[in-house]
Amino acid sequence: MFDFRGVIFDVDPVFANSEEWYEAIPEGIRPKRDQPFYHLLAENMESSYVAYVSQQNLVADESDEPVDHPAISGLFTGYADGRYRLRQQHRH
């Protein structure tokens, strides 16, 4: 539905954002709260940003191309075989 790519860097087992954020999503496309929501370093043709995306709205990126986001190097140590390696201090 939304044309962007991203790298997951954290997950909430269920919705954990603000009520205002949730209500801003049009009701017809608003995801259910009782599913994982992912924090992504995201990019589209115009910009880079942090996205909060429900599991139902994620699709695997089969391009095997790295994401060009300015925060990548702060969270990850490298990119190999289509995967990013999370820095040790960010693991929990």
N, C-alpha and C. Protein backbone atom coordinates (compact mmCIF):
# COMPACT_ATOMS: atom_id res chain seq x y z
N MET A 1 0.82 -1.19 0.00
CA MET A 1 0.00 0.00 0.00
C MET A 1 0.87 1.26 0.00
N PHE A 2 1.94 1.24 0.79
CA PHE A 2 2.85 2.39 0.86
C PHE A 2 4.19 1.95 0.30
N ASP A 3 4.71 2.70 -0.63
CA ASP A 3 5.91 2.31 -1.35
C ASP A 3 7.15 2.78 -0.60
N PHE A 4 7.67 1.91 0.26
CA PHE A 4 8.92 2.19 0.94
C PHE A 4 9.62 0.89 1.26
N ARG A 5 10.90 1.00 1.56
CA ARG A 5 11.71 -0.14 2.00
C ARG A 5 12.24 0.20 3.37
N GLY A 6 12.60 -0.81 4.13
CA GLY A 6 13.13 -0.53 5.45
C GLY A 6 13.84 -1.70 6.08
N VAL A 7 14.51 -1.39 7.19
CA VAL A 7 15.21 -2.38 7.99
C VAL A 7 14.61 -2.37 9.39
N ILE A 8 14.15 -3.51 9.84
CA ILE A 8 13.57 -3.62 11.19
C ILE A 8 14.68 -3.51 12.22
N PHE A 9 14.48 -2.65 13.23
CA PHE A 9 15.46 -2.55 14.30
C PHE A 9 14.87 -2.79 15.68
N ASP A 10 13.55 -2.92 15.78
CA ASP A 10 12.92 -3.22 17.07
C ASP A 10 11.49 -3.69 16.80
N VAL A 11 10.91 -4.37 17.79
CA VAL A 11 9.55 -4.87 17.63
C VAL A 11 8.79 -4.72 18.94
N ASP A 12 7.52 -4.36 18.83
CA ASP A 12 6.59 -4.35 19.96
C ASP A 12 5.65 -5.53 19.74
N PRO A 13 5.49 -6.43 20.71
CA PRO A 13 4.62 -7.60 20.52
C PRO A 13 3.17 -7.23 20.19
N VAL A 14 2.71 -6.11 20.69
CA VAL A 14 1.40 -5.55 20.36
C VAL A 14 1.58 -4.04 20.22
N PHE A 15 0.59 -3.35 19.70
CA PHE A 15 0.66 -1.92 19.48
C PHE A 15 1.11 -1.18 20.74
N ALA A 16 2.10 -0.29 20.59
CA ALA A 16 2.61 0.47 21.73
C ALA A 16 2.95 1.90 21.35
N ASN A 17 2.19 2.46 20.44
CA ASN A 17 2.38 3.85 20.04
C ASN A 17 1.25 4.67 20.66
N SER A 18 1.19 5.95 20.33
CA SER A 18 0.18 6.83 20.94
C SER A 18 -1.21 6.61 20.33
N GLU A 19 -2.21 6.93 21.11
CA GLU A 19 -3.59 6.85 20.63
C GLU A 19 -3.79 7.82 19.47
N GLU A 20 -3.17 8.97 19.54
CA GLU A 20 -3.27 9.97 18.48
C GLU A 20 -2.73 9.41 17.16
N TRP A 21 -1.58 8.73 17.22
CA TRP A 21 -1.00 8.12 16.02
C TRP A 21 -1.97 7.09 15.44
N TYR A 22 -2.52 6.25 16.28
CA TYR A 22 -3.43 5.19 15.84
C TYR A 22 -4.69 5.78 15.20
N GLU A 23 -5.28 6.77 15.83
CA GLU A 23 -6.51 7.37 15.33
C GLU A 23 -6.30 8.15 14.03
N ALA A 24 -5.06 8.55 13.75
CA ALA A 24 -4.76 9.29 12.53
C ALA A 24 -4.80 8.38 11.29
N ILE A 25 -4.76 7.07 11.49
CA ILE A 25 -4.84 6.13 10.37
C ILE A 25 -6.30 6.01 9.95
N PRO A 26 -6.59 6.18 8.67
CA PRO A 26 -7.99 6.04 8.23
C PRO A 26 -8.57 4.69 8.65
N GLU A 27 -9.78 4.72 9.15
CA GLU A 27 -10.41 3.52 9.72
C GLU A 27 -10.42 2.34 8.75
N GLY A 28 -10.59 2.59 7.48
CA GLY A 28 -10.65 1.51 6.50
C GLY A 28 -9.35 0.74 6.32
N ILE A 29 -8.22 1.34 6.71
CA ILE A 29 -6.93 0.66 6.59
C ILE A 29 -6.21 0.53 7.93
N ARG A 30 -6.87 0.91 9.00
CA ARG A 30 -6.28 0.86 10.34
C ARG A 30 -6.03 -0.59 10.76
N PRO A 31 -4.78 -0.94 11.11
CA PRO A 31 -4.50 -2.32 11.53
C PRO A 31 -5.00 -2.60 12.94
N LYS A 32 -5.21 -3.88 13.23
CA LYS A 32 -5.59 -4.27 14.58
C LYS A 32 -4.40 -4.07 15.51
N ARG A 33 -4.68 -3.80 16.76
CA ARG A 33 -3.63 -3.54 17.75
C ARG A 33 -2.94 -4.81 18.25
N ASP A 34 -3.64 -5.93 18.20
CA ASP A 34 -3.13 -7.16 18.82
C ASP A 34 -2.25 -7.99 17.87
N GLN A 35 -1.26 -7.34 17.32
CA GLN A 35 -0.29 -7.99 16.45
C GLN A 35 1.05 -7.28 16.65
N PRO A 36 2.14 -7.89 16.25
CA PRO A 36 3.43 -7.19 16.37
C PRO A 36 3.47 -5.93 15.50
N PHE A 37 4.13 -4.91 16.03
CA PHE A 37 4.41 -3.68 15.29
C PHE A 37 5.92 -3.49 15.27
N TYR A 38 6.44 -3.15 14.11
CA TYR A 38 7.88 -3.09 13.90
C TYR A 38 8.35 -1.66 13.71
N HIS A 39 9.51 -1.36 14.28
CA HIS A 39 10.18 -0.08 14.09
C HIS A 39 11.17 -0.29 12.95
N LEU A 40 11.07 0.53 11.92
CA LEU A 40 11.92 0.39 10.75
C LEU A 40 12.68 1.67 10.44
N LEU A 41 13.91 1.51 10.00
CA LEU A 41 14.61 2.61 9.34
C LEU A 41 14.13 2.51 7.90
N ALA A 42 13.35 3.46 7.47
CA ALA A 42 12.66 3.37 6.19
C ALA A 42 13.16 4.42 5.20
N GLU A 43 12.94 4.11 3.92
CA GLU A 43 13.28 5.04 2.86
C GLU A 43 12.28 4.89 1.72
N ASN A 44 12.05 6.00 1.04
CA ASN A 44 11.30 5.96 -0.22
C ASN A 44 12.07 6.83 -1.20
N MET A 45 11.49 7.15 -2.30
CA MET A 45 12.21 7.93 -3.33
C MET A 45 12.54 9.35 -2.87
N GLU A 46 11.79 9.88 -1.88
CA GLU A 46 11.98 11.26 -1.46
C GLU A 46 12.77 11.44 -0.17
N SER A 47 12.70 10.48 0.75
CA SER A 47 13.31 10.72 2.05
C SER A 47 13.59 9.44 2.82
N SER A 48 14.28 9.62 3.95
CA SER A 48 14.53 8.56 4.92
C SER A 48 13.82 8.94 6.20
N TYR A 49 13.29 7.97 6.92
CA TYR A 49 12.54 8.25 8.13
C TYR A 49 12.42 6.98 8.96
N VAL A 50 11.87 7.10 10.15
CA VAL A 50 11.58 5.95 11.00
C VAL A 50 10.09 5.66 10.87
N ALA A 51 9.76 4.40 10.59
CA ALA A 51 8.37 4.00 10.42
C ALA A 51 7.97 3.02 11.52
N TYR A 52 6.68 2.98 11.81
CA TYR A 52 6.10 2.05 12.77
C TYR A 52 5.03 1.29 12.00
N VAL A 53 5.27 -0.01 11.77
CA VAL A 53 4.46 -0.76 10.82
C VAL A 53 3.92 -2.03 11.43
N SER A 54 2.64 -2.30 11.23
CA SER A 54 2.03 -3.53 11.72
C SER A 54 2.52 -4.72 10.91
N GLN A 55 2.53 -5.87 11.54
CA GLN A 55 2.99 -7.08 10.85
C GLN A 55 2.20 -7.33 9.57
N GLN A 56 0.89 -7.08 9.61
CA GLN A 56 0.06 -7.36 8.44
C GLN A 56 0.43 -6.50 7.24
N ASN A 57 1.16 -5.42 7.46
CA ASN A 57 1.53 -4.53 6.36
C ASN A 57 2.97 -4.68 5.90
N LEU A 58 3.67 -5.68 6.41
CA LEU A 58 5.04 -5.91 5.97
C LEU A 58 5.08 -6.95 4.85
N VAL A 59 5.96 -6.70 3.90
CA VAL A 59 6.20 -7.63 2.81
C VAL A 59 7.71 -7.76 2.67
N ALA A 60 8.19 -8.96 2.51
CA ALA A 60 9.64 -9.17 2.36
C ALA A 60 10.16 -8.45 1.13
N ASP A 61 11.32 -7.84 1.27
CA ASP A 61 11.99 -7.17 0.15
C ASP A 61 12.95 -8.19 -0.47
N GLU A 62 12.65 -8.61 -1.65
CA GLU A 62 13.45 -9.63 -2.32
C GLU A 62 14.59 -9.06 -3.15
N SER A 63 14.79 -7.73 -3.10
CA SER A 63 15.80 -7.10 -3.95
C SER A 63 17.23 -7.42 -3.53
N ASP A 64 17.45 -7.75 -2.27
CA ASP A 64 18.80 -8.02 -1.75
C ASP A 64 19.71 -6.80 -1.81
N GLU A 65 19.12 -5.62 -1.97
CA GLU A 65 19.86 -4.36 -2.00
C GLU A 65 19.85 -3.74 -0.60
N PRO A 66 20.95 -3.15 -0.16
CA PRO A 66 20.94 -2.49 1.15
C PRO A 66 20.04 -1.25 1.15
N VAL A 67 19.54 -0.91 2.32
CA VAL A 67 18.73 0.30 2.50
C VAL A 67 19.68 1.46 2.76
N ASP A 68 19.43 2.59 2.14
CA ASP A 68 20.28 3.76 2.29
C ASP A 68 19.64 4.74 3.28
N HIS A 69 19.85 4.49 4.56
CA HIS A 69 19.29 5.33 5.62
C HIS A 69 20.45 5.85 6.46
N PRO A 70 20.46 7.13 6.82
CA PRO A 70 21.60 7.68 7.56
C PRO A 70 21.82 7.06 8.94
N ALA A 71 20.84 6.42 9.53
CA ALA A 71 21.00 5.83 10.86
C ALA A 71 21.47 4.37 10.83
N ILE A 72 21.63 3.79 9.66
CA ILE A 72 22.02 2.38 9.54
C ILE A 72 23.31 2.11 10.31
N SER A 73 24.34 2.92 10.10
CA SER A 73 25.64 2.64 10.73
C SER A 73 25.61 2.79 12.25
N GLY A 74 24.66 3.52 12.77
CA GLY A 74 24.55 3.65 14.23
C GLY A 74 23.92 2.44 14.89
N LEU A 75 23.12 1.68 14.16
CA LEU A 75 22.43 0.50 14.71
C LEU A 75 23.03 -0.83 14.27
N PHE A 76 23.67 -0.83 13.10
CA PHE A 76 24.14 -2.08 12.53
C PHE A 76 25.63 -2.00 12.20
N THR A 77 26.30 -3.15 12.27
CA THR A 77 27.74 -3.17 11.98
C THR A 77 28.05 -3.45 10.53
N GLY A 78 27.12 -4.02 9.81
CA GLY A 78 27.38 -4.32 8.41
C GLY A 78 26.21 -4.99 7.74
N TYR A 79 26.39 -5.26 6.45
CA TYR A 79 25.35 -5.87 5.63
C TYR A 79 26.00 -6.99 4.82
N ALA A 80 25.45 -8.20 4.94
CA ALA A 80 25.96 -9.34 4.17
C ALA A 80 24.83 -10.34 3.96
N ASP A 81 24.81 -10.93 2.79
CA ASP A 81 23.81 -11.95 2.46
C ASP A 81 22.38 -11.48 2.69
N GLY A 82 22.11 -10.21 2.40
CA GLY A 82 20.76 -9.68 2.53
C GLY A 82 20.32 -9.39 3.95
N ARG A 83 21.25 -9.38 4.89
CA ARG A 83 20.91 -9.14 6.30
C ARG A 83 21.85 -8.12 6.93
N TYR A 84 21.30 -7.38 7.87
CA TYR A 84 22.09 -6.45 8.67
C TYR A 84 22.44 -7.10 9.99
N ARG A 85 23.61 -6.77 10.51
CA ARG A 85 24.03 -7.30 11.80
C ARG A 85 23.87 -6.19 12.85
N LEU A 86 22.97 -6.42 13.82
CA LEU A 86 22.69 -5.44 14.85
C LEU A 86 23.89 -5.28 15.78
N ARG A 87 24.24 -4.04 16.10
CA ARG A 87 25.34 -3.80 17.03
C ARG A 87 25.02 -4.43 18.39
N GLN A 88 26.00 -4.96 19.04
CA GLN A 88 25.84 -5.67 20.32
C GLN A 88 25.10 -4.83 21.36
N GLN A 89 25.39 -3.54 21.47
CA GLN A 89 24.77 -2.71 22.50
C GLN A 89 23.28 -2.50 22.28
N HIS A 90 22.77 -2.83 21.09
CA HIS A 90 21.33 -2.65 20.81
C HIS A 90 20.55 -3.95 20.94
N ARG A 91 21.22 -5.03 21.28
CA ARG A 91 20.52 -6.32 21.41
C ARG A 91 19.92 -6.42 22.80
N HIS A 92 18.76 -7.06 22.88
CA HIS A 92 18.15 -7.31 24.20
C HIS A 92 17.50 -8.64 24.24
